[in-house]
Amino acid sequence: MAYVSVPKDIVKIKEKYLNFTKRQLISISMAGFFIFFIFFKLKNIVGIEISMYISFIIIFPILFLGYYEDDGVYLEDKIKNIIYFYKNNKPKVYKTENFYNKGLLSKEIEKFIKK
């Protein structure tokens, strides 16, 4: 009998176009759009080399957002989780009831009632 292995987690399988995911294609196109306009606007003002450096510095975060993924969590989700953690991080208070004292008090009350 033939055996075909099926991946247990189908969520991790992503559709790819031109060997890129949709997310990566969107980030590449946005980066290309920004680099085109920033470079051509700045090259007459500050020169070709400096405009190239400035445009790469500006598009690097866009590309990083598109490509970064750690354990299925994207960068913006990690940033949201970090902000949520530090915003809502309150000291945890551990409260217990002392059942031993309650037991002693109830015995003393019972003795008082019996008298």
C-alpha atoms as a PDB file:
ATOM      1  CA  MET A   1       0.000   0.000   0.000  1.00  0.00           C
ATOM      2  CA  ALA A   2       1.317   3.446  -0.907  1.00  0.00           C
ATOM      3  CA  TYR A   3       2.023   5.893   1.895  1.00  0.00           C
ATOM      4  CA  VAL A   4       1.883   9.646   1.436  1.00  0.00           C
ATOM      5  CA  SER A   5       3.124  11.907   4.198  1.00  0.00           C
ATOM      6  CA  VAL A   6       0.906  14.891   4.872  1.00  0.00           C
ATOM      7  CA  PRO A   7       2.289  17.845   6.837  1.00  0.00           C
ATOM      8  CA  LYS A   8       0.675  18.201  10.234  1.00  0.00           C
ATOM      9  CA  ASP A   9       0.582  21.980  10.177  1.00  0.00           C
ATOM     10  CA  ILE A  10      -0.796  23.177   6.861  1.00  0.00           C
ATOM     11  CA  VAL A  11      -0.832  26.788   8.103  1.00  0.00           C
ATOM     12  CA  LYS A  12       2.943  26.984   7.664  1.00  0.00           C
ATOM     13  CA  ILE A  13       2.650  26.252   3.948  1.00  0.00           C
ATOM     14  CA  LYS A  14       2.554  29.509   2.018  1.00  0.00           C
ATOM     15  CA  GLU A  15       1.678  30.245  -1.554  1.00  0.00           C
ATOM     16  CA  LYS A  16       4.617  31.591  -3.492  1.00  0.00           C
ATOM     17  CA  TYR A  17       4.743  33.697  -6.626  1.00  0.00           C
ATOM     18  CA  LEU A  18       8.124  33.947  -8.345  1.00  0.00           C
ATOM     19  CA  ASN A  19       9.517  32.229  -5.243  1.00  0.00           C
ATOM     20  CA  PHE A  20       8.308  35.089  -2.994  1.00  0.00           C
ATOM     21  CA  THR A  21       5.334  35.199  -0.672  1.00  0.00           C
ATOM     22  CA  LYS A  22       2.634  37.851  -1.145  1.00  0.00           C
ATOM     23  CA  ARG A  23       3.987  39.736   1.842  1.00  0.00           C
ATOM     24  CA  GLN A  24       7.494  39.815   0.403  1.00  0.00           C
ATOM     25  CA  LEU A  25       6.243  40.920  -3.022  1.00  0.00           C
ATOM     26  CA  ILE A  26       4.295  43.786  -1.454  1.00  0.00           C
ATOM     27  CA  SER A  27       7.322  44.920   0.555  1.00  0.00           C
ATOM     28  CA  ILE A  28       9.598  44.709  -2.494  1.00  0.00           C
ATOM     29  CA  SER A  29       7.171  46.746  -4.604  1.00  0.00           C
ATOM     30  CA  MET A  30       6.767  49.377  -1.865  1.00  0.00           C
ATOM     31  CA  ALA A  31      10.543  49.574  -1.447  1.00  0.00           C
ATOM     32  CA  GLY A  32      10.992  49.921  -5.206  1.00  0.00           C
ATOM     33  CA  PHE A  33       8.414  52.695  -5.317  1.00  0.00           C
ATOM     34  CA  PHE A  34      10.086  54.595  -2.471  1.00  0.00           C
ATOM     35  CA  ILE A  35      13.635  54.101  -3.729  1.00  0.00           C
ATOM     36  CA  PHE A  36      12.654  55.308  -7.205  1.00  0.00           C
ATOM     37  CA  PHE A  37      11.132  58.574  -6.012  1.00  0.00           C
ATOM     38  CA  ILE A  38      13.539  59.287  -3.174  1.00  0.00           C
ATOM     39  CA  PHE A  39      16.614  58.623  -5.276  1.00  0.00           C
ATOM     40  CA  PHE A  40      15.490  60.725  -8.236  1.00  0.00           C
ATOM     41  CA  LYS A  41      14.295  63.592  -6.043  1.00  0.00           C
ATOM     42  CA  LEU A  42      17.507  63.736  -4.015  1.00  0.00           C
ATOM     43  CA  LYS A  43      20.144  63.035  -6.679  1.00  0.00           C
ATOM     44  CA  ASN A  44      20.064  66.607  -8.013  1.00  0.00           C
ATOM     45  CA  ILE A  45      20.124  68.096  -4.503  1.00  0.00           C
ATOM     46  CA  VAL A  46      22.799  66.091  -2.652  1.00  0.00           C
ATOM     47  CA  GLY A  47      24.428  63.948  -5.336  1.00  0.00           C
ATOM     48  CA  ILE A  48      24.071  60.388  -6.525  1.00  0.00           C
ATOM     49  CA  GLU A  49      26.027  58.592  -3.780  1.00  0.00           C
ATOM     50  CA  ILE A  50      24.395  60.319  -0.830  1.00  0.00           C
ATOM     51  CA  SER A  51      20.909  59.995  -2.327  1.00  0.00           C
ATOM     52  CA  MET A  52      21.562  56.270  -2.831  1.00  0.00           C
ATOM     53  CA  TYR A  53      22.599  55.858   0.823  1.00  0.00           C
ATOM     54  CA  ILE A  54      19.604  57.841   2.080  1.00  0.00           C
ATOM     55  CA  SER A  55      17.172  55.864  -0.055  1.00  0.00           C
ATOM     56  CA  PHE A  56      18.599  52.524   1.125  1.00  0.00           C
ATOM     57  CA  ILE A  57      18.385  53.646   4.753  1.00  0.00           C
ATOM     58  CA  ILE A  58      14.740  54.586   4.223  1.00  0.00           C
ATOM     59  CA  ILE A  59      13.712  51.366   2.430  1.00  0.00           C
ATOM     60  CA  PHE A  60      15.561  48.973   4.756  1.00  0.00           C
ATOM     61  CA  PRO A  61      12.785  48.947   7.413  1.00  0.00           C
ATOM     62  CA  ILE A  62      10.186  48.308   4.701  1.00  0.00           C
ATOM     63  CA  LEU A  63      12.097  45.294   3.419  1.00  0.00           C
ATOM     64  CA  PHE A  64      12.790  44.084   6.949  1.00  0.00           C
ATOM     65  CA  LEU A  65       9.057  44.164   7.752  1.00  0.00           C
ATOM     66  CA  GLY A  66       8.366  42.060   4.675  1.00  0.00           C
ATOM     67  CA  TYR A  67      11.007  39.408   5.256  1.00  0.00           C
ATOM     68  CA  TYR A  68      11.280  39.004   9.031  1.00  0.00           C
ATOM     69  CA  GLU A  69       9.372  36.104  10.503  1.00  0.00           C
ATOM     70  CA  ASP A  70      10.232  34.206  13.663  1.00  0.00           C
ATOM     71  CA  ASP A  71       8.191  31.107  14.560  1.00  0.00           C
ATOM     72  CA  GLY A  72       5.314  32.296  12.393  1.00  0.00           C
ATOM     73  CA  VAL A  73       5.177  35.710  14.087  1.00  0.00           C
ATOM     74  CA  TYR A  74       5.851  38.762  11.945  1.00  0.00           C
ATOM     75  CA  LEU A  75       7.838  41.767  13.138  1.00  0.00           C
ATOM     76  CA  GLU A  76       4.866  44.099  13.661  1.00  0.00           C
ATOM     77  CA  ASP A  77       3.134  41.441  15.764  1.00  0.00           C
ATOM     78  CA  LYS A  78       6.292  41.051  17.865  1.00  0.00           C
ATOM     79  CA  ILE A  79       6.453  44.815  18.370  1.00  0.00           C
ATOM     80  CA  LYS A  80       2.763  44.865  19.397  1.00  0.00           C
ATOM     81  CA  ASN A  81       3.398  42.046  21.875  1.00  0.00           C
ATOM     82  CA  ILE A  82       6.424  43.813  23.368  1.00  0.00           C
ATOM     83  CA  ILE A  83       4.483  47.078  23.759  1.00  0.00           C
ATOM     84  CA  TYR A  84       1.540  45.202  25.308  1.00  0.00           C
ATOM     85  CA  PHE A  85       3.882  43.406  27.724  1.00  0.00           C
ATOM     86  CA  TYR A  86       5.593  46.566  28.981  1.00  0.00           C
ATOM     87  CA  LYS A  87       2.372  48.568  29.014  1.00  0.00           C
ATOM     88  CA  ASN A  88       0.415  46.009  31.031  1.00  0.00           C
ATOM     89  CA  ASN A  89       3.235  44.575  33.109  1.00  0.00           C
ATOM     90  CA  LYS A  90       2.054  44.990  36.671  1.00  0.00           C
ATOM     91  CA  PRO A  91       3.534  43.272  39.691  1.00  0.00           C
ATOM     92  CA  LYS A  92       1.809  39.999  40.417  1.00  0.00           C
ATOM     93  CA  VAL A  93       0.459  39.768  43.962  1.00  0.00           C
ATOM     94  CA  TYR A  94       0.218  36.343  45.527  1.00  0.00           C
ATOM     95  CA  LYS A  95      -2.595  36.218  48.062  1.00  0.00           C
ATOM     96  CA  THR A  96      -3.446  33.205  50.166  1.00  0.00           C
ATOM     97  CA  GLU A  97      -5.811  32.523  52.975  1.00  0.00           C
ATOM     98  CA  ASN A  98      -4.334  31.042  56.088  1.00  0.00           C
ATOM     99  CA  PHE A  99      -6.521  27.991  56.608  1.00  0.00           C
ATOM    100  CA  TYR A 100      -4.596  27.037  59.731  1.00  0.00           C
ATOM    101  CA  ASN A 101      -5.679  30.192  61.525  1.00  0.00           C
ATOM    102  CA  LYS A 102      -9.222  29.737  60.273  1.00  0.00           C
ATOM    103  CA  GLY A 103      -9.253  26.232  61.705  1.00  0.00           C
ATOM    104  CA  LEU A 104      -7.998  27.424  65.085  1.00  0.00           C
ATOM    105  CA  LEU A 105     -10.534  30.233  65.191  1.00  0.00           C
ATOM    106  CA  SER A 106     -13.393  27.916  64.322  1.00  0.00           C
ATOM    107  CA  LYS A 107     -12.318  25.519  67.112  1.00  0.00           C
ATOM    108  CA  GLU A 108     -12.203  28.393  69.595  1.00  0.00           C
ATOM    109  CA  ILE A 109     -15.662  29.505  68.474  1.00  0.00           C
ATOM    110  CA  GLU A 110     -16.993  25.969  68.870  1.00  0.00           C
ATOM    111  CA  LYS A 111     -15.506  25.788  72.409  1.00  0.00           C
ATOM    112  CA  PHE A 112     -17.130  29.129  73.254  1.00  0.00           C
ATOM    113  CA  ILE A 113     -20.508  27.977  71.913  1.00  0.00           C
ATOM    114  CA  LYS A 114     -20.374  24.650  73.788  1.00  0.00           C
ATOM    115  CA  LYS A 115     -19.803  26.371  77.145  1.00  0.00           C
END
